[in-house]
């Protein structure tokens, strides 16, 4: 893995760690959207001449059938998106479980804070660590998360080193 690829993956992983606190609300929103879509039903409406034969055709679908088909497509799309969010959340939870005690503390302060951004000085004071230790701990935290969230990349790196 080149340094550029590593930096790109590092930033992606860190962005996912920052987004973790919003995943549960996004999943709940998707569940509400699915429930809304399942409850929404227009049923019969005025006469629709779209499905009236004007020539030789085998398309005999009615407005209700089309509505149900479109509704199923929307529900499937929303469920797919919700499942992807749940998978993403589970990957981060696995990474969190692999953190050390200090890494978990840093994760809670830095990534789970209700504020938009916690200052580095505040983190240093709360954890009683130096600036150097903070940067080392943060880097170790993100690398640990990368290894947990993307194990296939770690395995590829090991095989590449063994082959050389």
Protein backbone atom coordinates (compact mmCIF):
# COMPACT_ATOMS: atom_id res chain seq x y z
CA UNK A 1 0.00 0.00 0.00
CA UNK A 2 1.42 3.34 -1.00
CA UNK A 3 1.56 6.28 1.36
CA UNK A 4 -1.12 8.03 -0.70
CA UNK A 5 -3.47 5.03 -0.47
CA UNK A 6 -2.80 4.79 3.26
CA UNK A 7 -3.60 8.48 3.78
CA UNK A 8 -6.81 8.16 1.77
CA UNK A 9 -7.92 5.13 3.81
CA UNK A 10 -6.87 6.87 7.04
CA UNK A 11 -9.06 9.90 6.23
CA UNK A 12 -11.97 7.68 5.17
CA UNK A 13 -11.75 5.70 8.41
CA UNK A 14 -11.55 8.84 10.52
CA UNK A 15 -14.58 10.27 8.71
CA UNK A 16 -16.50 7.08 9.50
CA UNK A 17 -15.51 7.35 13.15
CA UNK A 18 -16.79 10.94 13.25
CA UNK A 19 -20.03 9.88 11.50
CA UNK A 20 -20.65 7.02 13.95
CA UNK A 21 -22.60 9.17 16.40
CA UNK A 22 -25.14 9.96 13.67
CA UNK A 23 -25.64 6.41 12.39
CA UNK A 24 -28.32 5.39 14.89
CA UNK A 25 -30.49 8.40 14.02
CA UNK A 26 -30.00 7.75 10.29
CA UNK A 27 -31.11 4.13 10.78
CA UNK A 28 -34.17 5.27 12.74
CA UNK A 29 -35.01 7.75 9.98
CA UNK A 30 -34.83 4.97 7.39
CA UNK A 31 -37.12 2.79 9.53
CA UNK A 32 -39.62 5.64 9.72
CA UNK A 33 -39.40 6.19 5.96
CA UNK A 34 -40.09 2.48 5.40
CA UNK A 35 -43.06 2.54 7.77
CA UNK A 36 -44.40 5.67 6.06
CA UNK A 37 -44.03 4.08 2.65
CA UNK A 38 -45.81 0.92 3.80
CA UNK A 39 -48.72 2.95 5.19
CA UNK A 40 -49.02 5.22 2.19
CA UNK A 41 -51.62 3.99 -0.24
CA UNK A 42 -53.49 5.93 -2.89
CA UNK A 43 -55.72 3.15 -4.19
CA UNK A 44 -58.37 3.99 -6.71
CA UNK A 45 -58.30 7.30 -8.46
CA UNK A 46 -60.04 8.84 -11.42
CA UNK A 47 -60.12 7.14 -14.79
CA UNK A 48 -56.67 6.75 -16.22
CA UNK A 49 -56.43 6.08 -19.93
CA UNK A 50 -52.70 5.29 -19.86
CA UNK A 51 -53.36 1.55 -19.79
CA UNK A 52 -56.12 1.54 -22.41
CA UNK A 53 -55.10 -0.38 -25.49
CA UNK A 54 -54.59 1.81 -28.52
CA UNK A 55 -52.71 -0.79 -30.46
CA UNK A 56 -51.54 -4.35 -30.23
CA UNK A 57 -49.79 -4.68 -26.85
CA UNK A 58 -49.48 -7.14 -24.03
CA UNK A 59 -48.98 -4.53 -21.33
CA UNK A 60 -52.24 -4.72 -19.35
CA UNK A 61 -51.04 -3.29 -16.04
CA UNK A 62 -53.45 -1.12 -14.12
CA UNK A 63 -52.76 1.94 -12.00
CA UNK A 64 -53.03 0.00 -8.72
CA UNK A 65 -50.58 -2.64 -9.95
CA UNK A 66 -48.13 0.07 -11.01
CA UNK A 67 -48.54 1.78 -7.64
CA UNK A 68 -47.79 -1.45 -5.77
CA UNK A 69 -44.76 -2.20 -7.94
CA UNK A 70 -43.34 1.31 -7.41
CA UNK A 71 -44.09 1.09 -3.70
CA UNK A 72 -42.19 -2.22 -3.41
CA UNK A 73 -39.23 -0.74 -5.30
CA UNK A 74 -39.10 2.25 -2.91
CA UNK A 75 -39.38 -0.01 0.16
CA UNK A 76 -36.62 -2.31 -1.15
CA UNK A 77 -34.36 0.67 -1.83
CA UNK A 78 -34.95 2.09 1.66
CA UNK A 79 -34.33 -1.32 3.27
CA UNK A 80 -31.12 -1.69 1.27
CA UNK A 81 -29.91 1.72 2.47
CA UNK A 82 -30.89 0.91 6.06
CA UNK A 83 -29.03 -2.42 5.93
CA UNK A 84 -25.91 -0.66 4.63
CA UNK A 85 -26.09 1.82 7.53
CA UNK A 86 -26.48 -1.05 10.02
CA UNK A 87 -23.47 -2.84 8.51
CA UNK A 88 -21.41 0.36 8.72
CA UNK A 89 -22.48 0.83 12.36
CA UNK A 90 -21.58 -2.77 13.21
CA UNK A 91 -18.13 -2.40 11.61
CA UNK A 92 -17.38 0.65 13.77
CA UNK A 93 -18.68 -1.17 16.87
CA UNK A 94 -16.28 -4.05 16.15
CA UNK A 95 -13.44 -1.54 15.85
CA UNK A 96 -14.45 0.10 19.15
CA UNK A 97 -14.42 -3.28 20.90
CA UNK A 98 -10.81 -3.74 19.77
CA UNK A 99 -9.62 -0.39 21.19
CA UNK A 100 -7.45 -0.18 24.29
CA UNK A 101 -8.79 1.63 27.35
CA UNK A 102 -6.97 4.85 26.42
CA UNK A 103 -8.15 4.62 22.82
CA UNK A 104 -11.75 4.14 23.98
CA UNK A 105 -11.45 7.20 26.21
CA UNK A 106 -10.06 9.28 23.33
CA UNK A 107 -12.78 7.94 21.02
CA UNK A 108 -15.51 8.98 23.45
CA UNK A 109 -14.07 12.46 23.93
CA UNK A 110 -13.09 13.19 20.33
CA UNK A 111 -15.58 11.30 18.16
CA UNK A 112 -18.69 10.97 20.34
CA UNK A 113 -18.76 14.51 21.69
CA UNK A 114 -22.04 16.38 21.33
CA UNK A 115 -20.10 19.47 20.32
CA UNK A 116 -18.96 19.93 16.76
CA UNK A 117 -15.27 19.87 17.66
CA UNK A 118 -13.49 19.31 20.95
CA UNK A 119 -10.25 21.25 21.22
CA UNK A 120 -6.99 19.37 21.46
CA UNK A 121 -6.09 21.27 24.65
CA UNK A 122 -9.31 20.11 26.31
CA UNK A 123 -8.56 16.51 25.34
CA UNK A 124 -5.01 16.79 26.69
CA UNK A 125 -6.31 18.17 30.01
CA UNK A 126 -9.09 15.61 30.38
CA UNK A 127 -6.85 12.64 29.58
CA UNK A 128 -3.72 14.04 31.31
CA UNK A 129 -1.46 13.30 28.36
CA UNK A 130 1.09 15.26 26.32
CA UNK A 131 0.55 16.54 22.80
CA UNK A 132 2.91 13.90 21.39
CA UNK A 133 1.07 11.14 23.22
CA UNK A 134 -2.23 12.50 21.91
CA UNK A 135 -1.09 12.32 18.28
CA UNK A 136 0.40 8.85 18.75
CA UNK A 137 -2.77 7.63 20.47
CA UNK A 138 -5.02 9.15 17.82
CA UNK A 139 -2.99 7.57 15.01
CA UNK A 140 -2.98 4.20 16.77
CA UNK A 141 -6.75 4.48 17.29
CA UNK A 142 -7.46 5.16 13.61
CA UNK A 143 -5.05 2.43 12.45
CA UNK A 144 -6.69 -0.02 14.85
CA UNK A 145 -10.08 0.96 13.44
CA UNK A 146 -8.75 0.56 9.87
CA UNK A 147 -7.51 -2.94 10.67
CA UNK A 148 -10.85 -3.89 12.22
CA UNK A 149 -13.06 -2.27 9.59
CA UNK A 150 -11.00 -3.29 6.54
CA UNK A 151 -9.26 -6.57 7.47
CA UNK A 152 -8.89 -7.57 3.81
CA UNK A 153 -6.43 -4.70 3.28
CA UNK A 154 -4.35 -5.84 6.23
CA UNK A 155 -4.34 -9.41 4.92
CA UNK A 156 -3.30 -8.21 1.44
CA UNK A 157 -0.42 -6.25 3.02
CA UNK A 158 0.76 -9.30 4.96
CA UNK A 159 0.67 -11.49 1.85
CA UNK A 160 2.53 -8.84 -0.14
CA UNK A 161 5.28 -8.67 2.51
CA UNK A 162 5.52 -12.45 2.69
CA UNK A 163 5.84 -12.71 -1.09
CA UNK A 164 8.83 -10.34 -1.14
